[in-house]
Amino acid sequence: MSARWGSRGFLGLSSGWNEVEPTAEYDWPHWTDGARWEIRHGEDYEVPTVEMKALVEAKGEELKREVQVWMLGEDEPQKLRFLFELDRLSRAIKSGGDNVGWGVFGSS
């Protein structure tokens, strides 16, 4: 089951969107929400971790968003951690809209 993680460790397990993963269906709406995620081979995905990393990176390209991806594990990585960066407007909306920074229109 995928989990979010923070600078001090895990923030908690996700709601378990899918206990048995259908082939090639992933929780992209949650995984691309701007939170940090850790997913595990055999629980969240079945393809080799290197291939899943490529899928995460491809999703970033598809969404035109920066994505940071780390493979975790010794000889054969068994987990991925990743973070899809939100664009400036999405970050502002998520934070309550206080820092949208539209600027000053006109001059005085």
PDB file of N, CA and C in Angstrom:
ATOM      1  N   MET A   1       0.835  -1.167   0.000  1.00  0.00           N
ATOM      2  CA  MET A   1       0.000   0.000   0.000  1.00  0.00           C
ATOM      3  C   MET A   1       0.887   1.240   0.000  1.00  0.00           C
ATOM      4  N   SER A   2       0.622   2.175  -0.876  1.00  0.00           N
ATOM      5  CA  SER A   2       1.450   3.370  -0.972  1.00  0.00           C
ATOM      6  C   SER A   2       1.318   4.226   0.280  1.00  0.00           C
ATOM      7  N   ALA A   3       2.348   4.976   0.542  1.00  0.00           N
ATOM      8  CA  ALA A   3       2.363   5.825   1.728  1.00  0.00           C
ATOM      9  C   ALA A   3       2.989   7.162   1.388  1.00  0.00           C
ATOM     10  N   ARG A   4       2.545   8.179   2.078  1.00  0.00           N
ATOM     11  CA  ARG A   4       3.176   9.485   1.967  1.00  0.00           C
ATOM     12  C   ARG A   4       4.290   9.524   2.987  1.00  0.00           C
ATOM     13  N   TRP A   5       5.335  10.296   2.706  1.00  0.00           N
ATOM     14  CA  TRP A   5       6.394  10.421   3.678  1.00  0.00           C
ATOM     15  C   TRP A   5       6.759  11.883   3.831  1.00  0.00           C
ATOM     16  N   GLY A   6       7.308  12.231   4.966  1.00  0.00           N
ATOM     17  CA  GLY A   6       7.734  13.593   5.229  1.00  0.00           C
ATOM     18  C   GLY A   6       9.182  13.610   5.670  1.00  0.00           C
ATOM     19  N   SER A   7       9.657  14.784   6.019  1.00  0.00           N
ATOM     20  CA  SER A   7      11.060  14.913   6.404  1.00  0.00           C
ATOM     21  C   SER A   7      11.381  14.140   7.674  1.00  0.00           C
ATOM     22  N   ARG A   8      10.398  13.814   8.458  1.00  0.00           N
ATOM     23  CA  ARG A   8      10.623  13.060   9.701  1.00  0.00           C
ATOM     24  C   ARG A   8      10.125  11.626   9.593  1.00  0.00           C
ATOM     25  N   GLY A   9       9.902  11.146   8.402  1.00  0.00           N
ATOM     26  CA  GLY A   9       9.436   9.769   8.232  1.00  0.00           C
ATOM     27  C   GLY A   9       8.066   9.749   7.581  1.00  0.00           C
ATOM     28  N   PHE A  10       7.381   8.630   7.671  1.00  0.00           N
ATOM     29  CA  PHE A  10       6.090   8.464   7.032  1.00  0.00           C
ATOM     30  C   PHE A  10       5.037   9.348   7.652  1.00  0.00           C
ATOM     31  N   LEU A  11       4.167   9.893   6.792  1.00  0.00           N
ATOM     32  CA  LEU A  11       3.028  10.686   7.252  1.00  0.00           C
ATOM     33  C   LEU A  11       1.809   9.806   7.447  1.00  0.00           C
ATOM     34  N   GLY A  12       1.875   8.584   6.988  1.00  0.00           N
ATOM     35  CA  GLY A  12       0.753   7.664   7.158  1.00  0.00           C
ATOM     36  C   GLY A  12       0.406   6.979   5.856  1.00  0.00           C
ATOM     37  N   LEU A  13      -0.293   5.903   5.955  1.00  0.00           N
ATOM     38  CA  LEU A  13      -0.673   5.142   4.775  1.00  0.00           C
ATOM     39  C   LEU A  13      -1.790   5.845   4.031  1.00  0.00           C
ATOM     40  N   SER A  14      -1.815   5.662   2.738  1.00  0.00           N
ATOM     41  CA  SER A  14      -2.912   6.212   1.946  1.00  0.00           C
ATOM     42  C   SER A  14      -4.179   5.428   2.259  1.00  0.00           C
ATOM     43  N   SER A  15      -5.261   5.835   1.671  1.00  0.00           N
ATOM     44  CA  SER A  15      -6.545   5.199   1.951  1.00  0.00           C
ATOM     45  C   SER A  15      -6.668   3.813   1.345  1.00  0.00           C
ATOM     46  N   GLY A  16      -5.638   3.355   0.644  1.00  0.00           N
ATOM     47  CA  GLY A  16      -5.687   2.004   0.075  1.00  0.00           C
ATOM     48  C   GLY A  16      -6.647   1.935  -1.086  1.00  0.00           C
ATOM     49  N   TRP A  17      -6.444   2.798  -2.059  1.00  0.00           N
ATOM     50  CA  TRP A  17      -7.367   2.938  -3.182  1.00  0.00           C
ATOM     51  C   TRP A  17      -7.653   1.631  -3.879  1.00  0.00           C
ATOM     52  N   ASN A  18      -6.740   0.686  -3.784  1.00  0.00           N
ATOM     53  CA  ASN A  18      -6.916  -0.549  -4.520  1.00  0.00           C
ATOM     54  C   ASN A  18      -6.115  -1.653  -3.840  1.00  0.00           C
ATOM     55  N   GLU A  19      -6.772  -2.574  -3.199  1.00  0.00           N
ATOM     56  CA  GLU A  19      -6.074  -3.635  -2.481  1.00  0.00           C
ATOM     57  C   GLU A  19      -5.402  -4.625  -3.436  1.00  0.00           C
ATOM     58  N   VAL A  20      -6.047  -4.909  -4.554  1.00  0.00           N
ATOM     59  CA  VAL A  20      -5.462  -5.792  -5.557  1.00  0.00           C
ATOM     60  C   VAL A  20      -5.327  -4.979  -6.834  1.00  0.00           C
ATOM     61  N   GLU A  21      -4.093  -4.705  -7.229  1.00  0.00           N
ATOM     62  CA  GLU A  21      -3.842  -3.815  -8.350  1.00  0.00           C
ATOM     63  C   GLU A  21      -4.186  -4.456  -9.688  1.00  0.00           C
ATOM     64  N   PRO A  22      -5.102  -3.834 -10.444  1.00  0.00           N
ATOM     65  CA  PRO A  22      -5.328  -4.322 -11.801  1.00  0.00           C
ATOM     66  C   PRO A  22      -4.100  -4.023 -12.652  1.00  0.00           C
ATOM     67  N   THR A  23      -3.865  -4.817 -13.661  1.00  0.00           N
ATOM     68  CA  THR A  23      -2.699  -4.636 -14.519  1.00  0.00           C
ATOM     69  C   THR A  23      -2.672  -3.231 -15.107  1.00  0.00           C
ATOM     70  N   ALA A  24      -1.524  -2.568 -14.954  1.00  0.00           N
ATOM     71  CA  ALA A  24      -1.240  -1.263 -15.557  1.00  0.00           C
ATOM     72  C   ALA A  24      -2.161  -0.137 -15.111  1.00  0.00           C
ATOM     73  N   GLU A  25      -2.864  -0.277 -14.013  1.00  0.00           N
ATOM     74  CA  GLU A  25      -3.658   0.822 -13.479  1.00  0.00           C
ATOM     75  C   GLU A  25      -2.994   1.296 -12.200  1.00  0.00           C
ATOM     76  N   TYR A  26      -2.663   2.568 -12.187  1.00  0.00           N
ATOM     77  CA  TYR A  26      -1.983   3.131 -11.028  1.00  0.00           C
ATOM     78  C   TYR A  26      -2.765   4.315 -10.487  1.00  0.00           C
ATOM     79  N   ASP A  27      -2.475   4.691  -9.277  1.00  0.00           N
ATOM     80  CA  ASP A  27      -3.204   5.751  -8.585  1.00  0.00           C
ATOM     81  C   ASP A  27      -2.640   7.134  -8.935  1.00  0.00           C
ATOM     82  N   TRP A  28      -2.560   7.434 -10.225  1.00  0.00           N
ATOM     83  CA  TRP A  28      -1.964   8.691 -10.657  1.00  0.00           C
ATOM     84  C   TRP A  28      -2.631   9.927 -10.077  1.00  0.00           C
ATOM     85  N   PRO A  29      -3.961   9.987  -9.946  1.00  0.00           N
ATOM     86  CA  PRO A  29      -4.552  11.204  -9.370  1.00  0.00           C
ATOM     87  C   PRO A  29      -4.000  11.530  -7.973  1.00  0.00           C
ATOM     88  N   HIS A  30      -3.790  10.520  -7.160  1.00  0.00           N
ATOM     89  CA  HIS A  30      -3.209  10.755  -5.837  1.00  0.00           C
ATOM     90  C   HIS A  30      -1.703  10.961  -5.925  1.00  0.00           C
ATOM     91  N   TRP A  31      -1.042  10.112  -6.678  1.00  0.00           N
ATOM     92  CA  TRP A  31       0.416  10.140  -6.739  1.00  0.00           C
ATOM     93  C   TRP A  31       0.960  11.427  -7.349  1.00  0.00           C
ATOM     94  N   THR A  32       0.154  12.133  -8.128  1.00  0.00           N
ATOM     95  CA  THR A  32       0.610  13.371  -8.761  1.00  0.00           C
ATOM     96  C   THR A  32       0.070  14.606  -8.051  1.00  0.00           C
ATOM     97  N   ASP A  33      -0.388  14.452  -6.806  1.00  0.00           N
ATOM     98  CA  ASP A  33      -1.037  15.558  -6.085  1.00  0.00           C
ATOM     99  C   ASP A  33      -0.081  16.547  -5.433  1.00  0.00           C
ATOM    100  N   GLY A  34       1.219  16.380  -5.640  1.00  0.00           N
ATOM    101  CA  GLY A  34       2.183  17.298  -5.052  1.00  0.00           C
ATOM    102  C   GLY A  34       2.727  16.840  -3.711  1.00  0.00           C
ATOM    103  N   ALA A  35       2.169  15.749  -3.170  1.00  0.00           N
ATOM    104  CA  ALA A  35       2.684  15.177  -1.920  1.00  0.00           C
ATOM    105  C   ALA A  35       3.840  14.241  -2.247  1.00  0.00           C
ATOM    106  N   ARG A  36       4.606  13.910  -1.243  1.00  0.00           N
ATOM    107  CA  ARG A  36       5.689  12.932  -1.418  1.00  0.00           C
ATOM    108  C   ARG A  36       5.113  11.541  -1.215  1.00  0.00           C
ATOM    109  N   TRP A  37       5.460  10.628  -2.119  1.00  0.00           N
ATOM    110  CA  TRP A  37       4.921   9.272  -2.069  1.00  0.00           C
ATOM    111  C   TRP A  37       6.035   8.242  -2.058  1.00  0.00           C
ATOM    112  N   GLU A  38       5.759   7.122  -1.393  1.00  0.00           N
ATOM    113  CA  GLU A  38       6.620   5.948  -1.471  1.00  0.00           C
ATOM    114  C   GLU A  38       5.735   4.787  -1.876  1.00  0.00           C
ATOM    115  N   ILE A  39       6.145   4.093  -2.929  1.00  0.00           N
ATOM    116  CA  ILE A  39       5.399   2.925  -3.389  1.00  0.00           C
ATOM    117  C   ILE A  39       6.320   1.719  -3.372  1.00  0.00           C
ATOM    118  N   ARG A  40       5.712   0.526  -3.223  1.00  0.00           N
ATOM    119  CA  ARG A  40       6.488  -0.706  -3.042  1.00  0.00           C
ATOM    120  C   ARG A  40       6.192  -1.724  -4.134  1.00  0.00           C
ATOM    121  N   HIS A  41       7.272  -2.351  -4.595  1.00  0.00           N
ATOM    122  CA  HIS A  41       7.147  -3.434  -5.560  1.00  0.00           C
ATOM    123  C   HIS A  41       6.353  -4.569  -4.928  1.00  0.00           C
ATOM    124  N   GLY A  42       5.434  -5.142  -5.678  1.00  0.00           N
ATOM    125  CA  GLY A  42       4.627  -6.248  -5.169  1.00  0.00           C
ATOM    126  C   GLY A  42       3.368  -5.796  -4.454  1.00  0.00           C
ATOM    127  N   GLU A  43       3.291  -4.525  -4.078  1.00  0.00           N
ATOM    128  CA  GLU A  43       2.090  -3.979  -3.436  1.00  0.00           C
ATOM    129  C   GLU A  43       1.428  -2.932  -4.307  1.00  0.00           C
ATOM    130  N   ASP A  44       2.212  -1.981  -4.784  1.00  0.00           N
ATOM    131  CA  ASP A  44       1.681  -0.877  -5.574  1.00  0.00           C
ATOM    132  C   ASP A  44       1.939  -1.038  -7.068  1.00  0.00           C
ATOM    133  N   TYR A  45       2.917  -1.840  -7.424  1.00  0.00           N
ATOM    134  CA  TYR A  45       3.242  -2.095  -8.827  1.00  0.00           C
ATOM    135  C   TYR A  45       3.923  -3.451  -8.930  1.00  0.00           C
ATOM    136  N   GLU A  46       3.838  -4.064 -10.120  1.00  0.00           N
ATOM    137  CA  GLU A  46       4.406  -5.393 -10.335  1.00  0.00           C
ATOM    138  C   GLU A  46       5.611  -5.388 -11.269  1.00  0.00           C
ATOM    139  N   VAL A  47       5.732  -4.360 -12.097  1.00  0.00           N
ATOM    140  CA  VAL A  47       6.860  -4.297 -13.028  1.00  0.00           C
ATOM    141  C   VAL A  47       8.144  -4.079 -12.235  1.00  0.00           C
ATOM    142  N   PRO A  48       9.312  -4.380 -12.807  1.00  0.00           N
ATOM    143  CA  PRO A  48      10.556  -4.103 -12.105  1.00  0.00           C
ATOM    144  C   PRO A  48      10.638  -2.616 -11.725  1.00  0.00           C
ATOM    145  N   THR A  49      11.280  -2.327 -10.609  1.00  0.00           N
ATOM    146  CA  THR A  49      11.338  -0.963 -10.084  1.00  0.00           C
ATOM    147  C   THR A  49      11.950   0.018 -11.080  1.00  0.00           C
ATOM    148  N   VAL A  50      12.937  -0.413 -11.827  1.00  0.00           N
ATOM    149  CA  VAL A  50      13.556   0.450 -12.837  1.00  0.00           C
ATOM    150  C   VAL A  50      12.511   0.864 -13.875  1.00  0.00           C
ATOM    151  N   GLU A  51      11.646  -0.075 -14.265  1.00  0.00           N
ATOM    152  CA  GLU A  51      10.593   0.238 -15.234  1.00  0.00           C
ATOM    153  C   GLU A  51       9.553   1.162 -14.626  1.00  0.00           C
ATOM    154  N   MET A  52       9.221   0.949 -13.346  1.00  0.00           N
ATOM    155  CA  MET A  52       8.248   1.823 -12.693  1.00  0.00           C
ATOM    156  C   MET A  52       8.787   3.237 -12.589  1.00  0.00           C
ATOM    157  N   LYS A  53      10.081   3.360 -12.321  1.00  0.00           N
ATOM    158  CA  LYS A  53      10.712   4.685 -12.272  1.00  0.00           C
ATOM    159  C   LYS A  53      10.534   5.391 -13.612  1.00  0.00           C
ATOM    160  N   ALA A  54      10.746   4.649 -14.700  1.00  0.00           N
ATOM    161  CA  ALA A  54      10.567   5.217 -16.044  1.00  0.00           C
ATOM    162  C   ALA A  54       9.112   5.627 -16.275  1.00  0.00           C
ATOM    163  N   LEU A  55       8.160   4.846 -15.761  1.00  0.00           N
ATOM    164  CA  LEU A  55       6.742   5.192 -15.892  1.00  0.00           C
ATOM    165  C   LEU A  55       6.413   6.479 -15.134  1.00  0.00           C
ATOM    166  N   VAL A  56       6.965   6.620 -13.935  1.00  0.00           N
ATOM    167  CA  VAL A  56       6.743   7.835 -13.141  1.00  0.00           C
ATOM    168  C   VAL A  56       7.314   9.045 -13.879  1.00  0.00           C
ATOM    169  N   GLU A  57       8.520   8.898 -14.411  1.00  0.00           N
ATOM    170  CA  GLU A  57       9.139   9.999 -15.151  1.00  0.00           C
ATOM    171  C   GLU A  57       8.338  10.334 -16.411  1.00  0.00           C
ATOM    172  N   ALA A  58       7.822   9.312 -17.093  1.00  0.00           N
ATOM    173  CA  ALA A  58       7.008   9.532 -18.291  1.00  0.00           C
ATOM    174  C   ALA A  58       5.715  10.254 -17.937  1.00  0.00           C
ATOM    175  N   LYS A  59       5.149   9.928 -16.783  1.00  0.00           N
ATOM    176  CA  LYS A  59       3.925  10.604 -16.343  1.00  0.00           C
ATOM    177  C   LYS A  59       4.210  12.087 -16.107  1.00  0.00           C
ATOM    178  N   GLY A  60       5.366  12.389 -15.539  1.00  0.00           N
ATOM    179  CA  GLY A  60       5.762  13.781 -15.357  1.00  0.00           C
ATOM    180  C   GLY A  60       5.841  14.517 -16.682  1.00  0.00           C
ATOM    181  N   GLU A  61       6.434  13.875 -17.687  1.00  0.00           N
ATOM    182  CA  GLU A  61       6.519  14.476 -19.019  1.00  0.00           C
ATOM    183  C   GLU A  61       5.133  14.674 -19.614  1.00  0.00           C
ATOM    184  N   GLU A  62       4.274  13.651 -19.457  1.00  0.00           N
ATOM    185  CA  GLU A  62       2.911  13.736 -19.980  1.00  0.00           C
ATOM    186  C   GLU A  62       2.162  14.916 -19.360  1.00  0.00           C
ATOM    187  N   LEU A  63       2.343  15.117 -18.052  1.00  0.00           N
ATOM    188  CA  LEU A  63       1.660  16.201 -17.340  1.00  0.00           C
ATOM    189  C   LEU A  63       2.405  17.530 -17.436  1.00  0.00           C
ATOM    190  N   LYS A  64       3.587  17.497 -18.070  1.00  0.00           N
ATOM    191  CA  LYS A  64       4.444  18.684 -18.175  1.00  0.00           C
ATOM    192  C   LYS A  64       4.780  19.247 -16.792  1.00  0.00           C
ATOM    193  N   ARG A  65       5.151  18.317 -15.891  1.00  0.00           N
ATOM    194  CA  ARG A  65       5.519  18.692 -14.531  1.00  0.00           C
ATOM    195  C   ARG A  65       6.837  18.039 -14.159  1.00  0.00           C
ATOM    196  N   GLU A  66       7.632  18.774 -13.380  1.00  0.00           N
ATOM    197  CA  GLU A  66       8.875  18.217 -12.869  1.00  0.00           C
ATOM    198  C   GLU A  66       8.527  17.107 -11.881  1.00  0.00           C
ATOM    199  N   VAL A  67       9.328  16.053 -11.886  1.00  0.00           N
ATOM    200  CA  VAL A  67       9.135  14.971 -10.923  1.00  0.00           C
ATOM    201  C   VAL A  67      10.503  14.534 -10.419  1.00  0.00           C
ATOM    202  N   GLN A  68      10.592  14.350  -9.120  1.00  0.00           N
ATOM    203  CA  GLN A  68      11.814  13.829  -8.501  1.00  0.00           C
ATOM    204  C   GLN A  68      11.533  12.387  -8.111  1.00  0.00           C
ATOM    205  N   VAL A  69      12.447  11.481  -8.468  1.00  0.00           N
ATOM    206  CA  VAL A  69      12.242  10.049  -8.211  1.00  0.00           C
ATOM    207  C   VAL A  69      13.502   9.454  -7.608  1.00  0.00           C
ATOM    208  N   TRP A  70      13.335   8.657  -6.553  1.00  0.00           N
ATOM    209  CA  TRP A  70      14.436   7.951  -5.919  1.00  0.00           C
ATOM    210  C   TRP A  70      14.086   6.473  -5.837  1.00  0.00           C
ATOM    211  N   MET A  71      15.036   5.614  -6.214  1.00  0.00           N
ATOM    212  CA  MET A  71      14.865   4.173  -6.039  1.00  0.00           C
ATOM    213  C   MET A  71      15.508   3.792  -4.716  1.00  0.00           C
ATOM    214  N   LEU A  72      14.818   2.966  -3.940  1.00  0.00           N
ATOM    215  CA  LEU A  72      15.299   2.551  -2.625  1.00  0.00           C
ATOM    216  C   LEU A  72      15.498   1.048  -2.593  1.00  0.00           C
ATOM    217  N   GLY A  73      16.582   0.621  -2.032  1.00  0.00           N
ATOM    218  CA  GLY A  73      16.889  -0.798  -1.919  1.00  0.00           C
ATOM    219  C   GLY A  73      18.337  -1.039  -2.291  1.00  0.00           C
ATOM    220  N   GLU A  74      18.865  -2.097  -1.809  1.00  0.00           N
ATOM    221  CA  GLU A  74      20.281  -2.418  -2.046  1.00  0.00           C
ATOM    222  C   GLU A  74      20.521  -2.839  -3.486  1.00  0.00           C
ATOM    223  N   ASP A  75      20.699  -4.117  -3.732  1.00  0.00           N
ATOM    224  CA  ASP A  75      21.033  -4.615  -5.068  1.00  0.00           C
ATOM    225  C   ASP A  75      19.882  -4.447  -6.055  1.00  0.00           C
ATOM    226  N   GLU A  76      18.691  -4.865  -5.647  1.00  0.00           N
ATOM    227  CA  GLU A  76      17.515  -4.722  -6.482  1.00  0.00           C
ATOM    228  C   GLU A  76      16.536  -3.799  -5.772  1.00  0.00           C
ATOM    229  N   PRO A  77      16.385  -2.559  -6.263  1.00  0.00           N
ATOM    230  CA  PRO A  77      15.470  -1.622  -5.599  1.00  0.00           C
ATOM    231  C   PRO A  77      14.057  -2.197  -5.529  1.00  0.00           C
ATOM    232  N   GLN A  78      13.436  -2.048  -4.375  1.00  0.00           N
ATOM    233  CA  GLN A  78      12.092  -2.567  -4.165  1.00  0.00           C
ATOM    234  C   GLN A  78      11.070  -1.476  -3.881  1.00  0.00           C
ATOM    235  N   LYS A  79      11.535  -0.223  -3.812  1.00  0.00           N
ATOM    236  CA  LYS A  79      10.636   0.889  -3.516  1.00  0.00           C
ATOM    237  C   LYS A  79      11.030   2.094  -4.358  1.00  0.00           C
ATOM    238  N   LEU A  80      10.051   2.952  -4.566  1.00  0.00           N
ATOM    239  CA  LEU A  80      10.292   4.246  -5.193  1.00  0.00           C
ATOM    240  C   LEU A  80       9.729   5.327  -4.284  1.00  0.00           C
ATOM    241  N   ARG A  81      10.440   6.418  -4.187  1.00  0.00           N
ATOM    242  CA  ARG A  81       9.905   7.625  -3.582  1.00  0.00           C
ATOM    243  C   ARG A  81       9.871   8.662  -4.680  1.00  0.00           C
ATOM    244  N   PHE A  82       8.788   9.440  -4.720  1.00  0.00           N
ATOM    245  CA  PHE A  82       8.712  10.457  -5.754  1.00  0.00           C
ATOM    246  C   PHE A  82       7.841  11.613  -5.320  1.00  0.00           C
ATOM    247  N   LEU A  83       8.016  12.705  -6.029  1.00  0.00           N
ATOM    248  CA  LEU A  83       7.293  13.938  -5.758  1.00  0.00           C
ATOM    249  C   LEU A  83       7.072  14.649  -7.083  1.00  0.00           C
ATOM    250  N   PHE A  84       5.816  14.854  -7.441  1.00  0.00           N
ATOM    251  CA  PHE A  84       5.478  15.638  -8.614  1.00  0.00           C
ATOM    252  C   PHE A  84       5.337  17.080  -8.177  1.00  0.00           C
ATOM    253  N   GLU A  85       6.164  17.944  -8.766  1.00  0.00           N
ATOM    254  CA  GLU A  85       6.110  19.368  -8.435  1.00  0.00           C
ATOM    255  C   GLU A  85       4.807  19.958  -8.970  1.00  0.00           C
ATOM    256  N   LEU A  86       4.203  20.821  -8.174  1.00  0.00           N
ATOM    257  CA  LEU A  86       3.021  21.531  -8.624  1.00  0.00           C
ATOM    258  C   LEU A  86       3.453  22.815  -9.313  1.00  0.00           C
ATOM    259  N   ASP A  87       2.670  23.265 -10.275  1.00  0.00           N
ATOM    260  CA  ASP A  87       2.980  24.549 -10.886  1.00  0.00           C
ATOM    261  C   ASP A  87       2.656  25.661  -9.888  1.00  0.00           C
ATOM    262  N   ARG A  88       3.068  26.877 -10.191  1.00  0.00           N
ATOM    263  CA  ARG A  88       2.940  27.999  -9.261  1.00  0.00           C
ATOM    264  C   ARG A  88       1.488  28.247  -8.836  1.00  0.00           C
ATOM    265  N   LEU A  89       0.569  28.235  -9.779  1.00  0.00           N
ATOM    266  CA  LEU A  89      -0.834  28.482  -9.466  1.00  0.00           C
ATOM    267  C   LEU A  89      -1.406  27.366  -8.600  1.00  0.00           C
ATOM    268  N   SER A  90      -1.091  26.111  -8.908  1.00  0.00           N
ATOM    269  CA  SER A  90      -1.577  24.976  -8.099  1.00  0.00           C
ATOM    270  C   SER A  90      -1.060  25.056  -6.676  1.00  0.00           C
ATOM    271  N   ARG A  91       0.225  25.443  -6.511  1.00  0.00           N
ATOM    272  CA  ARG A  91       0.783  25.603  -5.161  1.00  0.00           C
ATOM    273  C   ARG A  91       0.043  26.689  -4.404  1.00  0.00           C
ATOM    274  N   ALA A  92      -0.271  27.782  -5.093  1.00  0.00           N
ATOM    275  CA  ALA A  92      -0.972  28.891  -4.451  1.00  0.00           C
ATOM    276  C   ALA A  92      -2.370  28.472  -4.011  1.00  0.00           C
ATOM    277  N   ILE A  93      -3.071  27.758  -4.878  1.00  0.00           N
ATOM    278  CA  ILE A  93      -4.421  27.298  -4.540  1.00  0.00           C
ATOM    279  C   ILE A  93      -4.372  26.330  -3.363  1.00  0.00           C
ATOM    280  N   LYS A  94      -3.417  25.398  -3.399  1.00  0.00           N
ATOM    281  CA  LYS A  94      -3.286  24.409  -2.331  1.00  0.00           C
ATOM    282  C   LYS A  94      -2.954  25.071  -0.994  1.00  0.00           C
ATOM    283  N   SER A  95      -2.203  26.186  -1.041  1.00  0.00           N
ATOM    284  CA  SER A  95      -1.816  26.861   0.203  1.00  0.00           C
ATOM    285  C   SER A  95      -2.844  27.889   0.653  1.00  0.00           C
ATOM    286  N   GLY A  96      -3.970  27.975  -0.020  1.00  0.00           N
ATOM    287  CA  GLY A  96      -5.007  28.906   0.391  1.00  0.00           C
ATOM    288  C   GLY A  96      -5.071  30.164  -0.446  1.00  0.00           C
ATOM    289  N   GLY A  97      -4.228  30.271  -1.450  1.00  0.00           N
ATOM    290  CA  GLY A  97      -4.295  31.387  -2.371  1.00  0.00           C
ATOM    291  C   GLY A  97      -3.619  32.660  -1.916  1.00  0.00           C
ATOM    292  N   ASP A  98      -2.961  32.646  -0.754  1.00  0.00           N
ATOM    293  CA  ASP A  98      -2.348  33.867  -0.235  1.00  0.00           C
ATOM    294  C   ASP A  98      -1.105  34.286  -0.988  1.00  0.00           C
ATOM    295  N   ASN A  99      -0.476  33.384  -1.691  1.00  0.00           N
ATOM    296  CA  ASN A  99       0.778  33.736  -2.348  1.00  0.00           C
ATOM    297  C   ASN A  99       0.728  33.597  -3.861  1.00  0.00           C
ATOM    298  N   VAL A 100      -0.417  33.928  -4.446  1.00  0.00           N
ATOM    299  CA  VAL A 100      -0.553  33.802  -5.889  1.00  0.00           C
ATOM    300  C   VAL A 100       0.393  34.751  -6.598  1.00  0.00           C
ATOM    301  N   GLY A 101       0.560  35.963  -6.077  1.00  0.00           N
ATOM    302  CA  GLY A 101       1.529  36.902  -6.643  1.00  0.00           C
ATOM    303  C   GLY A 101       1.169  37.364  -8.030  1.00  0.00           C
ATOM    304  N   TRP A 102      -0.014  37.886  -8.213  1.00  0.00           N
ATOM    305  CA  TRP A 102      -0.442  38.334  -9.528  1.00  0.00           C
ATOM    306  C   TRP A 102       0.300  39.601  -9.964  1.00  0.00           C
ATOM    307  N   GLY A 103       0.881  40.332  -9.048  1.00  0.00           N
ATOM    308  CA  GLY A 103       1.620  41.540  -9.412  1.00  0.00           C
ATOM    309  C   GLY A 103       0.731  42.761  -9.453  1.00  0.00           C
ATOM    310  N   VAL A 104       1.304  43.860  -9.829  1.00  0.00           N
ATOM    311  CA  VAL A 104       0.583  45.129  -9.891  1.00  0.00           C
ATOM    312  C   VAL A 104       0.281  45.438 -11.342  1.00  0.00           C
ATOM    313  N   PHE A 105      -0.968  45.755 -11.616  1.00  0.00           N
ATOM    314  CA  PHE A 105      -1.386  46.107 -12.965  1.00  0.00           C
ATOM    315  C   PHE A 105      -1.435  47.621 -13.091  1.00  0.00           C
ATOM    316  N   GLY A 106      -0.869  48.164 -14.137  1.00  0.00           N
ATOM    317  CA  GLY A 106      -0.879  49.614 -14.348  1.00  0.00           C
ATOM    318  C   GLY A 106       0.229  50.276 -13.567  1.00  0.00           C
ATOM    319  N   SER A 107       0.315  51.551 -13.639  1.00  0.00           N
ATOM    320  CA  SER A 107       1.325  52.283 -12.894  1.00  0.00           C
ATOM    321  C   SER A 107       0.699  53.491 -12.246  1.00  0.00           C
ATOM    322  N   SER A 108       1.336  53.984 -11.209  1.00  0.00           N
ATOM    323  CA  SER A 108       0.782  55.161 -10.539  1.00  0.00           C
ATOM    324  C   SER A 108       1.839  56.204 -10.338  1.00  0.00           C
TER     325      SER A 108
END
